[in-house]
Amino acid sequence: MVRKIKRKRSGHSSSQGPGGGMLQQLQSLQEDMLKAQDEIAEMTFEASVGGGVVTVLVDGERRVRSLTIDPDVLDPDDVEMLQDMVIAAVNQGLEQIDQATAERMSDVTGGVDIPDIGLG
């Protein structure tokens, strides 16, 4: 005796087909993520070290837009200190971008961690 097994429908309308609703959700998520990336690219981040001795302005595309150094700290005998402060300021600015990006993407994804989405 052969029995036919009826499959339950997944609840999707015939116009979407199986997974159609999920595809739309993924497309919407992708659009939201691209919008968030564009918003971050338009932002600027300022970092300052040494009590304002070195200040850097970076944009959301990870480009240094300005670098300000207090001329009173220029010491030809201690170039390494200035170099260290410039590096620290730039790194702080980049960390601000990373933090803003993570927060914005968390808002978009509802806190779900999506690995390898190419934000770095």
PDB file of N, CA and C in Angstrom:
ATOM      1  N   MET A   1       0.825  -1.162   0.000  1.00  0.00           N
ATOM      2  CA  MET A   1       0.000   0.000   0.000  1.00  0.00           C
ATOM      3  C   MET A   1       0.880   1.239   0.000  1.00  0.00           C
ATOM      4  N   VAL A   2       0.567   2.165  -0.867  1.00  0.00           N
ATOM      5  CA  VAL A   2       1.315   3.412  -0.990  1.00  0.00           C
ATOM      6  C   VAL A   2       0.478   4.535  -0.401  1.00  0.00           C
ATOM      7  N   ARG A   3       1.098   5.268   0.492  1.00  0.00           N
ATOM      8  CA  ARG A   3       0.385   6.399   1.085  1.00  0.00           C
ATOM      9  C   ARG A   3       0.978   7.686   0.564  1.00  0.00           C
ATOM     10  N   LYS A   4       0.134   8.583   0.189  1.00  0.00           N
ATOM     11  CA  LYS A   4       0.592   9.893  -0.230  1.00  0.00           C
ATOM     12  C   LYS A   4       0.674  10.778   0.999  1.00  0.00           C
ATOM     13  N   ILE A   5       1.776  11.477   1.092  1.00  0.00           N
ATOM     14  CA  ILE A   5       1.957  12.383   2.212  1.00  0.00           C
ATOM     15  C   ILE A   5       1.723  13.793   1.707  1.00  0.00           C
ATOM     16  N   LYS A   6       0.802  14.451   2.355  1.00  0.00           N
ATOM     17  CA  LYS A   6       0.538  15.843   1.992  1.00  0.00           C
ATOM     18  C   LYS A   6       1.496  16.736   2.758  1.00  0.00           C
ATOM     19  N   ARG A   7       2.119  17.660   2.060  1.00  0.00           N
ATOM     20  CA  ARG A   7       3.012  18.609   2.693  1.00  0.00           C
ATOM     21  C   ARG A   7       2.233  19.841   3.090  1.00  0.00           C
ATOM     22  N   LYS A   8       2.567  20.307   4.245  1.00  0.00           N
ATOM     23  CA  LYS A   8       1.921  21.544   4.690  1.00  0.00           C
ATOM     24  C   LYS A   8       2.551  22.709   3.955  1.00  0.00           C
ATOM     25  N   ARG A   9       1.739  23.654   3.651  1.00  0.00           N
ATOM     26  CA  ARG A   9       2.249  24.869   3.026  1.00  0.00           C
ATOM     27  C   ARG A   9       2.978  25.689   4.066  1.00  0.00           C
ATOM     28  N   SER A  10       3.965  26.398   3.617  1.00  0.00           N
ATOM     29  CA  SER A  10       4.796  27.169   4.545  1.00  0.00           C
ATOM     30  C   SER A  10       4.158  28.486   4.937  1.00  0.00           C
ATOM     31  N   GLY A  11       3.004  28.790   4.431  1.00  0.00           N
ATOM     32  CA  GLY A  11       2.331  30.026   4.790  1.00  0.00           C
ATOM     33  C   GLY A  11       2.667  31.173   3.861  1.00  0.00           C
ATOM     34  N   HIS A  12       3.498  30.925   2.867  1.00  0.00           N
ATOM     35  CA  HIS A  12       3.853  31.977   1.916  1.00  0.00           C
ATOM     36  C   HIS A  12       2.799  32.039   0.820  1.00  0.00           C
ATOM     37  N   SER A  13       2.536  33.225   0.380  1.00  0.00           N
ATOM     38  CA  SER A  13       1.582  33.345  -0.718  1.00  0.00           C
ATOM     39  C   SER A  13       2.239  32.827  -1.987  1.00  0.00           C
ATOM     40  N   SER A  14       1.457  32.438  -2.908  1.00  0.00           N
ATOM     41  CA  SER A  14       1.999  31.868  -4.136  1.00  0.00           C
ATOM     42  C   SER A  14       2.780  32.895  -4.942  1.00  0.00           C
ATOM     43  N   SER A  15       2.515  34.189  -4.732  1.00  0.00           N
ATOM     44  CA  SER A  15       3.241  35.203  -5.488  1.00  0.00           C
ATOM     45  C   SER A  15       4.671  35.351  -4.992  1.00  0.00           C
ATOM     46  N   GLN A  16       4.905  35.038  -3.706  1.00  0.00           N
ATOM     47  CA  GLN A  16       6.265  35.158  -3.180  1.00  0.00           C
ATOM     48  C   GLN A  16       7.018  33.848  -3.304  1.00  0.00           C
ATOM     49  N   GLY A  17       6.332  32.771  -3.206  1.00  0.00           N
ATOM     50  CA  GLY A  17       6.988  31.479  -3.229  1.00  0.00           C
ATOM     51  C   GLY A  17       7.713  31.255  -1.913  1.00  0.00           C
ATOM     52  N   PRO A  18       8.225  30.053  -1.729  1.00  0.00           N
ATOM     53  CA  PRO A  18       8.941  29.755  -0.490  1.00  0.00           C
ATOM     54  C   PRO A  18      10.150  30.673  -0.329  1.00  0.00           C
ATOM     55  N   GLY A  19      10.282  31.309   0.823  1.00  0.00           N
ATOM     56  CA  GLY A  19      11.425  32.172   1.093  1.00  0.00           C
ATOM     57  C   GLY A  19      11.305  33.569   0.533  1.00  0.00           C
ATOM     58  N   GLY A  20      10.234  33.866  -0.159  1.00  0.00           N
ATOM     59  CA  GLY A  20      10.083  35.185  -0.780  1.00  0.00           C
ATOM     60  C   GLY A  20      10.051  36.309   0.226  1.00  0.00           C
ATOM     61  N   GLY A  21       9.370  36.084   1.335  1.00  0.00           N
ATOM     62  CA  GLY A  21       9.309  37.107   2.373  1.00  0.00           C
ATOM     63  C   GLY A  21      10.666  37.336   3.011  1.00  0.00           C
ATOM     64  N   MET A  22      11.415  36.257   3.174  1.00  0.00           N
ATOM     65  CA  MET A  22      12.741  36.382   3.758  1.00  0.00           C
ATOM     66  C   MET A  22      13.671  37.138   2.809  1.00  0.00           C
ATOM     67  N   LEU A  23      13.533  36.893   1.527  1.00  0.00           N
ATOM     68  CA  LEU A  23      14.353  37.593   0.540  1.00  0.00           C
ATOM     69  C   LEU A  23      14.090  39.094   0.605  1.00  0.00           C
ATOM     70  N   GLN A  24      12.831  39.468   0.733  1.00  0.00           N
ATOM     71  CA  GLN A  24      12.491  40.883   0.851  1.00  0.00           C
ATOM     72  C   GLN A  24      13.081  41.477   2.119  1.00  0.00           C
ATOM     73  N   GLN A  25      13.036  40.731   3.208  1.00  0.00           N
ATOM     74  CA  GLN A  25      13.619  41.212   4.464  1.00  0.00           C
ATOM     75  C   GLN A  25      15.130  41.403   4.326  1.00  0.00           C
ATOM     76  N   LEU A  26      15.787  40.465   3.666  1.00  0.00           N
ATOM     77  CA  LEU A  26      17.230  40.571   3.465  1.00  0.00           C
ATOM     78  C   LEU A  26      17.578  41.754   2.574  1.00  0.00           C
ATOM     79  N   GLN A  27      16.789  41.973   1.542  1.00  0.00           N
ATOM     80  CA  GLN A  27      17.024  43.118   0.666  1.00  0.00           C
ATOM     81  C   GLN A  27      16.830  44.426   1.422  1.00  0.00           C
ATOM     82  N   SER A  28      15.813  44.470   2.263  1.00  0.00           N
ATOM     83  CA  SER A  28      15.565  45.655   3.073  1.00  0.00           C
ATOM     84  C   SER A  28      16.712  45.881   4.056  1.00  0.00           C
ATOM     85  N   LEU A  29      17.189  44.818   4.680  1.00  0.00           N
ATOM     86  CA  LEU A  29      18.320  44.906   5.595  1.00  0.00           C
ATOM     87  C   LEU A  29      19.562  45.419   4.867  1.00  0.00           C
ATOM     88  N   GLN A  30      19.790  44.908   3.670  1.00  0.00           N
ATOM     89  CA  GLN A  30      20.941  45.343   2.885  1.00  0.00           C
ATOM     90  C   GLN A  30      20.834  46.836   2.560  1.00  0.00           C
ATOM     91  N   GLU A  31      19.664  47.284   2.178  1.00  0.00           N
ATOM     92  CA  GLU A  31      19.460  48.704   1.882  1.00  0.00           C
ATOM     93  C   GLU A  31      19.701  49.551   3.125  1.00  0.00           C
ATOM     94  N   ASP A  32      19.204  49.089   4.270  1.00  0.00           N
ATOM     95  CA  ASP A  32      19.404  49.823   5.519  1.00  0.00           C
ATOM     96  C   ASP A  32      20.884  49.886   5.890  1.00  0.00           C
ATOM     97  N   MET A  33      21.590  48.791   5.663  1.00  0.00           N
ATOM     98  CA  MET A  33      23.013  48.765   5.983  1.00  0.00           C
ATOM     99  C   MET A  33      23.794  49.706   5.073  1.00  0.00           C
ATOM    100  N   LEU A  34      23.455  49.729   3.800  1.00  0.00           N
ATOM    101  CA  LEU A  34      24.121  50.648   2.870  1.00  0.00           C
ATOM    102  C   LEU A  34      23.837  52.095   3.240  1.00  0.00           C
ATOM    103  N   LYS A  35      22.611  52.367   3.645  1.00  0.00           N
ATOM    104  CA  LYS A  35      22.252  53.714   4.080  1.00  0.00           C
ATOM    105  C   LYS A  35      23.055  54.104   5.316  1.00  0.00           C
ATOM    106  N   ALA A  36      23.185  53.185   6.254  1.00  0.00           N
ATOM    107  CA  ALA A  36      23.955  53.448   7.469  1.00  0.00           C
ATOM    108  C   ALA A  36      25.426  53.690   7.137  1.00  0.00           C
ATOM    109  N   GLN A  37      25.974  52.921   6.208  1.00  0.00           N
ATOM    110  CA  GLN A  37      27.364  53.123   5.790  1.00  0.00           C
ATOM    111  C   GLN A  37      27.538  54.498   5.160  1.00  0.00           C
ATOM    112  N   ASP A  38      26.580  54.919   4.348  1.00  0.00           N
ATOM    113  CA  ASP A  38      26.638  56.255   3.739  1.00  0.00           C
ATOM    114  C   ASP A  38      26.576  57.342   4.803  1.00  0.00           C
ATOM    115  N   GLU A  39      25.725  57.149   5.806  1.00  0.00           N
ATOM    116  CA  GLU A  39      25.610  58.128   6.892  1.00  0.00           C
ATOM    117  C   GLU A  39      26.928  58.237   7.653  1.00  0.00           C
ATOM    118  N   ILE A  40      27.551  57.113   7.939  1.00  0.00           N
ATOM    119  CA  ILE A  40      28.825  57.118   8.658  1.00  0.00           C
ATOM    120  C   ILE A  40      29.910  57.776   7.815  1.00  0.00           C
ATOM    121  N   ALA A  41      29.901  57.524   6.520  1.00  0.00           N
ATOM    122  CA  ALA A  41      30.905  58.121   5.639  1.00  0.00           C
ATOM    123  C   ALA A  41      30.835  59.650   5.660  1.00  0.00           C
ATOM    124  N   GLU A  42      29.651  60.190   5.905  1.00  0.00           N
ATOM    125  CA  GLU A  42      29.466  61.642   5.936  1.00  0.00           C
ATOM    126  C   GLU A  42      29.857  62.254   7.287  1.00  0.00           C
ATOM    127  N   MET A  43      30.053  61.433   8.294  1.00  0.00           N
ATOM    128  CA  MET A  43      30.355  61.930   9.632  1.00  0.00           C
ATOM    129  C   MET A  43      31.835  62.282   9.764  1.00  0.00           C
ATOM    130  N   THR A  44      32.136  63.145  10.732  1.00  0.00           N
ATOM    131  CA  THR A  44      33.524  63.433  11.079  1.00  0.00           C
ATOM    132  C   THR A  44      33.722  63.149  12.564  1.00  0.00           C
ATOM    133  N   PHE A  45      34.939  62.778  12.911  1.00  0.00           N
ATOM    134  CA  PHE A  45      35.282  62.391  14.261  1.00  0.00           C
ATOM    135  C   PHE A  45      36.549  63.139  14.663  1.00  0.00           C
ATOM    136  N   GLU A  46      36.521  63.718  15.857  1.00  0.00           N
ATOM    137  CA  GLU A  46      37.671  64.465  16.340  1.00  0.00           C
ATOM    138  C   GLU A  46      38.264  63.766  17.552  1.00  0.00           C
ATOM    139  N   ALA A  47      39.582  63.644  17.543  1.00  0.00           N
ATOM    140  CA  ALA A  47      40.286  63.064  18.683  1.00  0.00           C
ATOM    141  C   ALA A  47      41.436  63.984  19.051  1.00  0.00           C
ATOM    142  N   SER A  48      41.648  64.113  20.347  1.00  0.00           N
ATOM    143  CA  SER A  48      42.680  65.002  20.847  1.00  0.00           C
ATOM    144  C   SER A  48      43.482  64.290  21.922  1.00  0.00           C
ATOM    145  N   VAL A  49      44.795  64.472  21.916  1.00  0.00           N
ATOM    146  CA  VAL A  49      45.665  63.871  22.928  1.00  0.00           C
ATOM    147  C   VAL A  49      46.582  64.938  23.505  1.00  0.00           C
ATOM    148  N   GLY A  50      47.133  64.613  24.661  1.00  0.00           N
ATOM    149  CA  GLY A  50      48.074  65.527  25.299  1.00  0.00           C
ATOM    150  C   GLY A  50      47.425  66.828  25.739  1.00  0.00           C
ATOM    151  N   GLY A  51      46.161  66.758  26.134  1.00  0.00           N
ATOM    152  CA  GLY A  51      45.475  67.968  26.569  1.00  0.00           C
ATOM    153  C   GLY A  51      45.237  68.950  25.446  1.00  0.00           C
ATOM    154  N   GLY A  52      45.076  68.441  24.247  1.00  0.00           N
ATOM    155  CA  GLY A  52      44.815  69.309  23.093  1.00  0.00           C
ATOM    156  C   GLY A  52      46.068  69.664  22.304  1.00  0.00           C
ATOM    157  N   VAL A  53      47.183  69.044  22.664  1.00  0.00           N
ATOM    158  CA  VAL A  53      48.440  69.318  21.962  1.00  0.00           C
ATOM    159  C   VAL A  53      48.350  68.860  20.504  1.00  0.00           C
ATOM    160  N   VAL A  54      47.755  67.687  20.302  1.00  0.00           N
ATOM    161  CA  VAL A  54      47.562  67.160  18.953  1.00  0.00           C
ATOM    162  C   VAL A  54      46.085  66.831  18.796  1.00  0.00           C
ATOM    163  N   THR A  55      45.482  67.362  17.741  1.00  0.00           N
ATOM    164  CA  THR A  55      44.079  67.107  17.436  1.00  0.00           C
ATOM    165  C   THR A  55      43.973  66.651  15.995  1.00  0.00           C
ATOM    166  N   VAL A  56      43.196  65.598  15.789  1.00  0.00           N
ATOM    167  CA  VAL A  56      43.010  65.066  14.445  1.00  0.00           C
ATOM    168  C   VAL A  56      41.519  65.008  14.143  1.00  0.00           C
ATOM    169  N   LEU A  57      41.177  65.283  12.913  1.00  0.00           N
ATOM    170  CA  LEU A  57      39.810  65.171  12.422  1.00  0.00           C
ATOM    171  C   LEU A  57      39.817  64.133  11.311  1.00  0.00           C
ATOM    172  N   VAL A  58      39.039  63.058  11.511  1.00  0.00           N
ATOM    173  CA  VAL A  58      38.940  62.005  10.503  1.00  0.00           C
ATOM    174  C   VAL A  58      37.489  61.880  10.059  1.00  0.00           C
ATOM    175  N   ASP A  59      37.291  61.421   8.836  1.00  0.00           N
ATOM    176  CA  ASP A  59      35.921  61.236   8.366  1.00  0.00           C
ATOM    177  C   ASP A  59      35.554  59.765   8.410  1.00  0.00           C
ATOM    178  N   GLY A  60      34.288  59.498   8.164  1.00  0.00           N
ATOM    179  CA  GLY A  60      33.774  58.141   8.228  1.00  0.00           C
ATOM    180  C   GLY A  60      34.331  57.206   7.180  1.00  0.00           C
ATOM    181  N   GLU A  61      35.045  57.756   6.211  1.00  0.00           N
ATOM    182  CA  GLU A  61      35.714  56.922   5.218  1.00  0.00           C
ATOM    183  C   GLU A  61      37.157  56.626   5.619  1.00  0.00           C
ATOM    184  N   ARG A  62      37.462  56.955   6.885  1.00  0.00           N
ATOM    185  CA  ARG A  62      38.758  56.673   7.479  1.00  0.00           C
ATOM    186  C   ARG A  62      39.880  57.485   6.852  1.00  0.00           C
ATOM    187  N   ARG A  63      39.572  58.719   6.486  1.00  0.00           N
ATOM    188  CA  ARG A  63      40.576  59.629   5.939  1.00  0.00           C
ATOM    189  C   ARG A  63      40.836  60.749   6.936  1.00  0.00           C
ATOM    190  N   VAL A  64      42.102  61.066   7.135  1.00  0.00           N
ATOM    191  CA  VAL A  64      42.454  62.185   8.001  1.00  0.00           C
ATOM    192  C   VAL A  64      42.171  63.467   7.228  1.00  0.00           C
ATOM    193  N   ARG A  65      41.317  64.313   7.806  1.00  0.00           N
ATOM    194  CA  ARG A  65      40.934  65.565   7.151  1.00  0.00           C
ATOM    195  C   ARG A  65      41.747  66.752   7.647  1.00  0.00           C
ATOM    196  N   SER A  66      42.144  66.703   8.916  1.00  0.00           N
ATOM    197  CA  SER A  66      43.017  67.763   9.430  1.00  0.00           C
ATOM    198  C   SER A  66      43.799  67.241  10.615  1.00  0.00           C
ATOM    199  N   LEU A  67      44.937  67.875  10.824  1.00  0.00           N
ATOM    200  CA  LEU A  67      45.818  67.547  11.925  1.00  0.00           C
ATOM    201  C   LEU A  67      46.349  68.861  12.469  1.00  0.00           C
ATOM    202  N   THR A  68      46.102  69.105  13.752  1.00  0.00           N
ATOM    203  CA  THR A  68      46.543  70.338  14.381  1.00  0.00           C
ATOM    204  C   THR A  68      47.535  70.000  15.487  1.00  0.00           C
ATOM    205  N   ILE A  69      48.674  70.686  15.459  1.00  0.00           N
ATOM    206  CA  ILE A  69      49.705  70.479  16.469  1.00  0.00           C
ATOM    207  C   ILE A  69      49.992  71.831  17.111  1.00  0.00           C
ATOM    208  N   ASP A  70      49.947  71.856  18.440  1.00  0.00           N
ATOM    209  CA  ASP A  70      50.267  73.075  19.178  1.00  0.00           C
ATOM    210  C   ASP A  70      51.753  73.378  18.963  1.00  0.00           C
ATOM    211  N   PRO A  71      52.078  74.536  18.362  1.00  0.00           N
ATOM    212  CA  PRO A  71      53.482  74.850  18.063  1.00  0.00           C
ATOM    213  C   PRO A  71      54.362  74.956  19.309  1.00  0.00           C
ATOM    214  N   ASP A  72      53.764  75.185  20.464  1.00  0.00           N
ATOM    215  CA  ASP A  72      54.552  75.305  21.690  1.00  0.00           C
ATOM    216  C   ASP A  72      55.207  73.987  22.099  1.00  0.00           C
ATOM    217  N   VAL A  73      54.726  72.882  21.576  1.00  0.00           N
ATOM    218  CA  VAL A  73      55.299  71.584  21.959  1.00  0.00           C
ATOM    219  C   VAL A  73      56.349  71.091  20.978  1.00  0.00           C
ATOM    220  N   LEU A  74      56.590  71.833  19.951  1.00  0.00           N
ATOM    221  CA  LEU A  74      57.582  71.403  18.969  1.00  0.00           C
ATOM    222  C   LEU A  74      58.973  71.483  19.584  1.00  0.00           C
ATOM    223  N   ASP A  75      59.582  70.332  19.743  1.00  0.00           N
ATOM    224  CA  ASP A  75      60.925  70.234  20.321  1.00  0.00           C
ATOM    225  C   ASP A  75      61.757  69.368  19.387  1.00  0.00           C
ATOM    226  N   PRO A  76      62.705  69.970  18.690  1.00  0.00           N
ATOM    227  CA  PRO A  76      63.505  69.187  17.742  1.00  0.00           C
ATOM    228  C   PRO A  76      64.289  68.055  18.407  1.00  0.00           C
ATOM    229  N   ASP A  77      64.466  68.133  19.715  1.00  0.00           N
ATOM    230  CA  ASP A  77      65.199  67.084  20.419  1.00  0.00           C
ATOM    231  C   ASP A  77      64.292  65.947  20.875  1.00  0.00           C
ATOM    232  N   ASP A  78      62.973  66.100  20.695  1.00  0.00           N
ATOM    233  CA  ASP A  78      62.033  65.061  21.129  1.00  0.00           C
ATOM    234  C   ASP A  78      60.947  64.837  20.069  1.00  0.00           C
ATOM    235  N   VAL A  79      61.375  64.517  18.881  1.00  0.00           N
ATOM    236  CA  VAL A  79      60.454  64.277  17.769  1.00  0.00           C
ATOM    237  C   VAL A  79      59.601  63.039  18.037  1.00  0.00           C
ATOM    238  N   GLU A  80      60.165  62.051  18.724  1.00  0.00           N
ATOM    239  CA  GLU A  80      59.436  60.812  18.997  1.00  0.00           C
ATOM    240  C   GLU A  80      58.170  61.061  19.798  1.00  0.00           C
ATOM    241  N   MET A  81      58.209  61.986  20.751  1.00  0.00           N
ATOM    242  CA  MET A  81      57.020  62.275  21.548  1.00  0.00           C
ATOM    243  C   MET A  81      55.904  62.814  20.653  1.00  0.00           C
ATOM    244  N   LEU A  82      56.247  63.700  19.754  1.00  0.00           N
ATOM    245  CA  LEU A  82      55.246  64.256  18.838  1.00  0.00           C
ATOM    246  C   LEU A  82      54.703  63.173  17.915  1.00  0.00           C
ATOM    247  N   GLN A  83      55.581  62.338  17.412  1.00  0.00           N
ATOM    248  CA  GLN A  83      55.142  61.242  16.548  1.00  0.00           C
ATOM    249  C   GLN A  83      54.174  60.325  17.291  1.00  0.00           C
ATOM    250  N   ASP A  84      54.489  60.001  18.533  1.00  0.00           N
ATOM    251  CA  ASP A  84      53.620  59.145  19.333  1.00  0.00           C
ATOM    252  C   ASP A  84      52.254  59.786  19.550  1.00  0.00           C
ATOM    253  N   MET A  85      52.244  61.094  19.788  1.00  0.00           N
ATOM    254  CA  MET A  85      50.967  61.779  20.003  1.00  0.00           C
ATOM    255  C   MET A  85      50.130  61.810  18.722  1.00  0.00           C
ATOM    256  N   VAL A  86      50.776  62.004  17.576  1.00  0.00           N
ATOM    257  CA  VAL A  86      50.044  61.994  16.305  1.00  0.00           C
ATOM    258  C   VAL A  86      49.439  60.617  16.069  1.00  0.00           C
ATOM    259  N   ILE A  87      50.225  59.580  16.288  1.00  0.00           N
ATOM    260  CA  ILE A  87      49.722  58.211  16.111  1.00  0.00           C
ATOM    261  C   ILE A  87      48.555  57.944  17.052  1.00  0.00           C
ATOM    262  N   ALA A  88      48.693  58.357  18.315  1.00  0.00           N
ATOM    263  CA  ALA A  88      47.623  58.131  19.291  1.00  0.00           C
ATOM    264  C   ALA A  88      46.349  58.858  18.890  1.00  0.00           C
ATOM    265  N   ALA A  89      46.468  60.089  18.419  1.00  0.00           N
ATOM    266  CA  ALA A  89      45.287  60.861  18.015  1.00  0.00           C
ATOM    267  C   ALA A  89      44.594  60.215  16.820  1.00  0.00           C
ATOM    268  N   VAL A  90      45.366  59.811  15.835  1.00  0.00           N
ATOM    269  CA  VAL A  90      44.778  59.163  14.653  1.00  0.00           C
ATOM    270  C   VAL A  90      44.094  57.867  15.058  1.00  0.00           C
ATOM    271  N   ASN A  91      44.748  57.065  15.888  1.00  0.00           N
ATOM    272  CA  ASN A  91      44.147  55.802  16.320  1.00  0.00           C
ATOM    273  C   ASN A  91      42.861  56.033  17.102  1.00  0.00           C
ATOM    274  N   GLN A  92      42.825  57.056  17.947  1.00  0.00           N
ATOM    275  CA  GLN A  92      41.600  57.357  18.682  1.00  0.00           C
ATOM    276  C   GLN A  92      40.473  57.749  17.722  1.00  0.00           C
ATOM    277  N   GLY A  93      40.803  58.537  16.710  1.00  0.00           N
ATOM    278  CA  GLY A  93      39.794  58.907  15.717  1.00  0.00           C
ATOM    279  C   GLY A  93      39.249  57.693  14.982  1.00  0.00           C
ATOM    280  N   LEU A  94      40.127  56.780  14.605  1.00  0.00           N
ATOM    281  CA  LEU A  94      39.701  55.567  13.910  1.00  0.00           C
ATOM    282  C   LEU A  94      38.864  54.675  14.820  1.00  0.00           C
ATOM    283  N   GLU A  95      39.221  54.623  16.107  1.00  0.00           N
ATOM    284  CA  GLU A  95      38.428  53.846  17.057  1.00  0.00           C
ATOM    285  C   GLU A  95      37.021  54.430  17.199  1.00  0.00           C
ATOM    286  N   GLN A  96      36.907  55.752  17.128  1.00  0.00           N
ATOM    287  CA  GLN A  96      35.593  56.384  17.189  1.00  0.00           C
ATOM    288  C   GLN A  96      34.737  55.972  15.990  1.00  0.00           C
ATOM    289  N   ILE A  97      35.362  55.884  14.820  1.00  0.00           N
ATOM    290  CA  ILE A  97      34.640  55.431  13.627  1.00  0.00           C
ATOM    291  C   ILE A  97      34.159  53.998  13.827  1.00  0.00           C
ATOM    292  N   ASP A  98      35.051  53.133  14.318  1.00  0.00           N
ATOM    293  CA  ASP A  98      34.691  51.734  14.541  1.00  0.00           C
ATOM    294  C   ASP A  98      33.529  51.615  15.516  1.00  0.00           C
ATOM    295  N   GLN A  99      33.577  52.402  16.584  1.00  0.00           N
ATOM    296  CA  GLN A  99      32.509  52.354  17.584  1.00  0.00           C
ATOM    297  C   GLN A  99      31.185  52.848  16.991  1.00  0.00           C
ATOM    298  N   ALA A 100      31.230  53.955  16.266  1.00  0.00           N
ATOM    299  CA  ALA A 100      30.008  54.493  15.649  1.00  0.00           C
ATOM    300  C   ALA A 100      29.441  53.507  14.627  1.00  0.00           C
ATOM    301  N   THR A 101      30.318  52.870  13.878  1.00  0.00           N
ATOM    302  CA  THR A 101      29.882  51.891  12.888  1.00  0.00           C
ATOM    303  C   THR A 101      29.218  50.701  13.569  1.00  0.00           C
ATOM    304  N   ALA A 102      29.844  50.186  14.624  1.00  0.00           N
ATOM    305  CA  ALA A 102      29.278  49.038  15.333  1.00  0.00           C
ATOM    306  C   ALA A 102      27.919  49.385  15.931  1.00  0.00           C
ATOM    307  N   GLU A 103      27.805  50.576  16.520  1.00  0.00           N
ATOM    308  CA  GLU A 103      26.532  50.992  17.111  1.00  0.00           C
ATOM    309  C   GLU A 103      25.452  51.142  16.046  1.00  0.00           C
ATOM    310  N   ARG A 104      25.807  51.761  14.930  1.00  0.00           N
ATOM    311  CA  ARG A 104      24.816  51.995  13.866  1.00  0.00           C
ATOM    312  C   ARG A 104      24.373  50.672  13.242  1.00  0.00           C
ATOM    313  N   MET A 105      25.320  49.765  13.016  1.00  0.00           N
ATOM    314  CA  MET A 105      24.965  48.477  12.420  1.00  0.00           C
ATOM    315  C   MET A 105      24.146  47.639  13.395  1.00  0.00           C
ATOM    316  N   SER A 106      24.424  47.768  14.674  1.00  0.00           N
ATOM    317  CA  SER A 106      23.626  47.059  15.675  1.00  0.00           C
ATOM    318  C   SER A 106      22.185  47.563  15.648  1.00  0.00           C
ATOM    319  N   ASP A 107      22.017  48.867  15.452  1.00  0.00           N
ATOM    320  CA  ASP A 107      20.670  49.429  15.317  1.00  0.00           C
ATOM    321  C   ASP A 107      19.960  48.841  14.093  1.00  0.00           C
ATOM    322  N   VAL A 108      20.692  48.740  12.996  1.00  0.00           N
ATOM    323  CA  VAL A 108      20.109  48.249  11.741  1.00  0.00           C
ATOM    324  C   VAL A 108      19.738  46.778  11.842  1.00  0.00           C
ATOM    325  N   THR A 109      20.628  45.985  12.461  1.00  0.00           N
ATOM    326  CA  THR A 109      20.410  44.535  12.498  1.00  0.00           C
ATOM    327  C   THR A 109      19.655  44.088  13.732  1.00  0.00           C
ATOM    328  N   GLY A 110      19.266  45.020  14.570  1.00  0.00           N
ATOM    329  CA  GLY A 110      18.555  44.654  15.787  1.00  0.00           C
ATOM    330  C   GLY A 110      19.438  43.937  16.786  1.00  0.00           C
ATOM    331  N   GLY A 111      20.734  44.198  16.724  1.00  0.00           N
ATOM    332  CA  GLY A 111      21.675  43.591  17.654  1.00  0.00           C
ATOM    333  C   GLY A 111      22.210  42.245  17.223  1.00  0.00           C
ATOM    334  N   VAL A 112      21.747  41.732  16.082  1.00  0.00           N
ATOM    335  CA  VAL A 112      22.234  40.452  15.584  1.00  0.00           C
ATOM    336  C   VAL A 112      23.602  40.664  14.950  1.00  0.00           C
ATOM    337  N   ASP A 113      24.576  39.886  15.379  1.00  0.00           N
ATOM    338  CA  ASP A 113      25.926  39.994  14.853  1.00  0.00           C
ATOM    339  C   ASP A 113      26.000  39.299  13.500  1.00  0.00           C
ATOM    340  N   ILE A 114      26.338  40.064  12.464  1.00  0.00           N
ATOM    341  CA  ILE A 114      26.454  39.503  11.128  1.00  0.00           C
ATOM    342  C   ILE A 114      27.926  39.589  10.748  1.00  0.00           C
ATOM    343  N   PRO A 115      28.649  38.465  10.769  1.00  0.00           N
ATOM    344  CA  PRO A 115      30.082  38.490  10.482  1.00  0.00           C
ATOM    345  C   PRO A 115      30.359  38.778   9.015  1.00  0.00           C
ATOM    346  N   ASP A 116      31.521  39.336   8.781  1.00  0.00           N
ATOM    347  CA  ASP A 116      32.032  39.537   7.414  1.00  0.00           C
ATOM    348  C   ASP A 116      31.097  40.347   6.536  1.00  0.00           C
ATOM    349  N   ILE A 117      30.633  41.500   7.057  1.00  0.00           N
ATOM    350  CA  ILE A 117      29.768  42.328   6.215  1.00  0.00           C
ATOM    351  C   ILE A 117      30.546  43.442   5.550  1.00  0.00           C
ATOM    352  N   GLY A 118      31.864  43.389   5.677  1.00  0.00           N
ATOM    353  CA  GLY A 118      32.708  44.313   4.930  1.00  0.00           C
ATOM    354  C   GLY A 118      32.647  45.746   5.400  1.00  0.00           C
ATOM    355  N   LEU A 119      32.682  45.966   6.706  1.00  0.00           N
ATOM    356  CA  LEU A 119      32.621  47.328   7.210  1.00  0.00           C
ATOM    357  C   LEU A 119      33.983  47.900   7.519  1.00  0.00           C
ATOM    358  N   GLY A 120      34.969  47.071   7.555  1.00  0.00           N
ATOM    359  CA  GLY A 120      36.292  47.531   7.961  1.00  0.00           C
ATOM    360  C   GLY A 120      37.072  48.137   6.853  1.00  0.00           C
TER     361      GLY A 120
END
